[in-house]
Protein backbone atom coordinates (compact mmCIF):
# COMPACT_ATOMS: atom_id res chain seq x y z
CA MET A 1 1.38 14.41 -3.95
CA LYS A 2 2.65 11.56 -6.10
CA CYS A 3 3.85 8.05 -5.34
CA LEU A 4 7.09 6.81 -6.87
CA LYS A 5 8.60 3.31 -6.86
CA ASN A 6 12.31 2.64 -7.21
CA GLN A 7 12.73 -0.02 -9.91
CA LYS A 8 15.98 -1.36 -8.42
CA THR A 9 15.08 -1.59 -4.73
CA GLY A 10 11.27 -1.64 -4.82
CA ASN A 11 10.96 1.21 -2.29
CA ILE A 12 7.80 3.29 -2.62
CA ILE A 13 7.85 6.94 -1.53
CA ARG A 14 5.31 9.75 -1.56
CA VAL A 15 6.57 13.20 -2.59
CA ASP A 16 5.11 16.49 -3.77
CA ASP A 17 4.37 17.05 -7.48
CA LYS A 18 7.43 19.17 -8.26
CA GLN A 19 9.86 16.74 -6.69
CA ALA A 20 8.13 13.79 -8.40
CA GLU A 21 8.54 15.41 -11.82
CA GLN A 22 12.28 15.79 -11.18
CA MET A 23 12.74 12.23 -9.90
CA ALA A 24 10.62 10.34 -12.45
CA GLY A 25 12.75 8.65 -15.05
CA ASN A 26 14.79 5.48 -15.40
CA THR A 27 14.98 4.41 -11.75
CA TRP A 28 11.78 5.98 -10.36
CA LYS A 29 8.34 5.21 -11.85
CA TYR A 30 4.91 6.49 -10.91
CA VAL A 31 2.68 4.01 -9.05
CA ALA A 32 -0.87 4.10 -7.73
CA LYS A 33 -1.52 5.37 -4.22
CA GLU A 34 -2.99 1.95 -3.41
CA GLU A 35 0.44 0.34 -3.79
CA TRP A 36 1.93 2.92 -1.43
CA LYS A 37 -0.81 2.24 1.12
CA LEU A 38 -0.27 -1.50 0.98
CA ALA A 39 3.49 -1.09 1.35
CA THR A 40 3.37 1.30 4.31
CA ARG A 41 0.47 -0.07 6.31
CA THR A 42 0.58 -3.44 8.02
CA PRO A 43 -2.59 -5.56 8.12
CA LYS A 44 -4.18 -6.37 11.45
CA GLN A 45 -3.39 -9.79 12.87
CA LEU A 46 -6.03 -12.24 14.04
CA GLU A 47 -6.56 -12.06 17.77
CA VAL A 48 -6.80 -15.25 19.78
CA VAL A 49 -9.02 -14.99 22.85
CA ASN A 50 -9.71 -18.09 24.96
CA ASP A 51 -8.31 -20.32 22.17
CA GLN A 52 -10.89 -18.95 19.70
CA ILE A 53 -10.16 -16.79 16.69
CA THR A 54 -12.15 -13.57 16.73
CA ASP A 55 -13.80 -12.10 13.63
CA THR A 56 -11.21 -9.45 12.83
CA VAL A 57 -10.64 -8.77 9.15
CA THR A 58 -7.35 -7.62 7.66
CA ILE A 59 -7.11 -4.41 5.67
CA SER A 60 -6.28 -6.30 2.48
CA GLU A 61 -9.40 -8.46 2.87
CA LYS A 62 -11.52 -5.33 3.24
CA GLN A 63 -10.00 -3.89 0.06
CA LEU A 64 -10.75 -7.06 -1.86
CA LYS A 65 -14.38 -6.96 -0.72
CA ARG A 66 -14.69 -3.32 -1.81
CA LYS A 67 -13.29 -4.10 -5.26
CA LYS A 68 -15.69 -7.03 -5.71
CA SER A 69 -18.72 -5.00 -4.64
CA LYS A 70 -17.97 -2.17 -7.09
């Protein structure tokens, strides 16, 4: 499976290897799977309970912590 990004629209899709080879070119470029994940998954929102913000962490914050620790 490969991830491709449309240079004109910015859409990121995930397709099998054979289809990716055929599509890659001027309008479609290979991108990292991380970009696809960030584009398709929405981060969790902070939850407000009794007018207090709970300690929920967004997905993007978790990824930043992982990158810093490595």
